[in-house]
Amino acid sequence: MREFLMSLAVCAALAGCDNASSPSAAPKDGGTKSTEPAKTAAKHPWGSFKKGSFVKTKSLMEMTSPAMKSETTTTTTLKDLTADEAVLEVETVMPNIPPNKMEQKFPLKAPEGKAADGPKPKTGSEEIEVAGKKMKCDWTETESEANGVKSVTRVYTNQEIPGFTAKMVMKNPTMTMTTEVVEYGSK
C-alpha cells in the first residue's frame, strides 16, 4: 500500500511535465501572455525553481470495498538542481506509520520518442482553491484501465507551484483519491 501511495505522489509531482508550458501562467514580469505555442523548450515542473522550494500535499483515499479511508501528507523539497536533473527529497507521513523520507532524481529533459497512442486527454482551465487562495489552473483529464478497472484522473496545474501540480483527483468504481496542495514556497 505504501509503495502504491508513493507512486501516486510521484505521478502527481510529475503530472505537470507534459512537454508543454501552461498557458494560464502569467509572465513573472507582469507582461501579457501569448496565445501562440511556446517555441522554446518545455519547462520542467522543478526546473524553474531554486533549492529549498517545496510543496506540501494532503491526499485522502476513500475505498468502498473494503470500506476504508487513508490520509497521507507529503512534503517534496527541491534539494539540488543541475543542468541535467532535479534532486527531490520526499517525506511521507501516514497515521500509525513512521515518517518515510527518500531522495529521488528526475532528468530535466524528457526522453525522446514517439508520443503515446490512444485517445487525447480532455483539457480545460478552472479557478480552484489552492493552499487557501484562488488560482486559475489548467486541467488534463485522462481515462485508463488496469486489471479490468477503469479510472478517470484529472490533474490541475499552475506554474507558480513547485512541481506545477495543484490538485489531482483519481476516481474508479471502488476508490476516490484526492491530492491537494496545502502549502508551498518557491525560492
Foldseek 3Di string as FASTA:
>chain_A
DVVVVVVVVVCLLQVCVPFFEDQQAADPVPDGGDPDGDPDTYFGLAQVFAFFWKFKKKKWKAFVVVGDIWIKIKMKTFHDDDQFWTKIWIWMDTPPDPIDIDIDIDTRDDDDDDDDDDDAWDKDWDWDAALHDTDIWIKTWDWDDDPRWIKIKIWTAYSVFRSRTAKMWIDTPTMIMIMGTNDIDTD
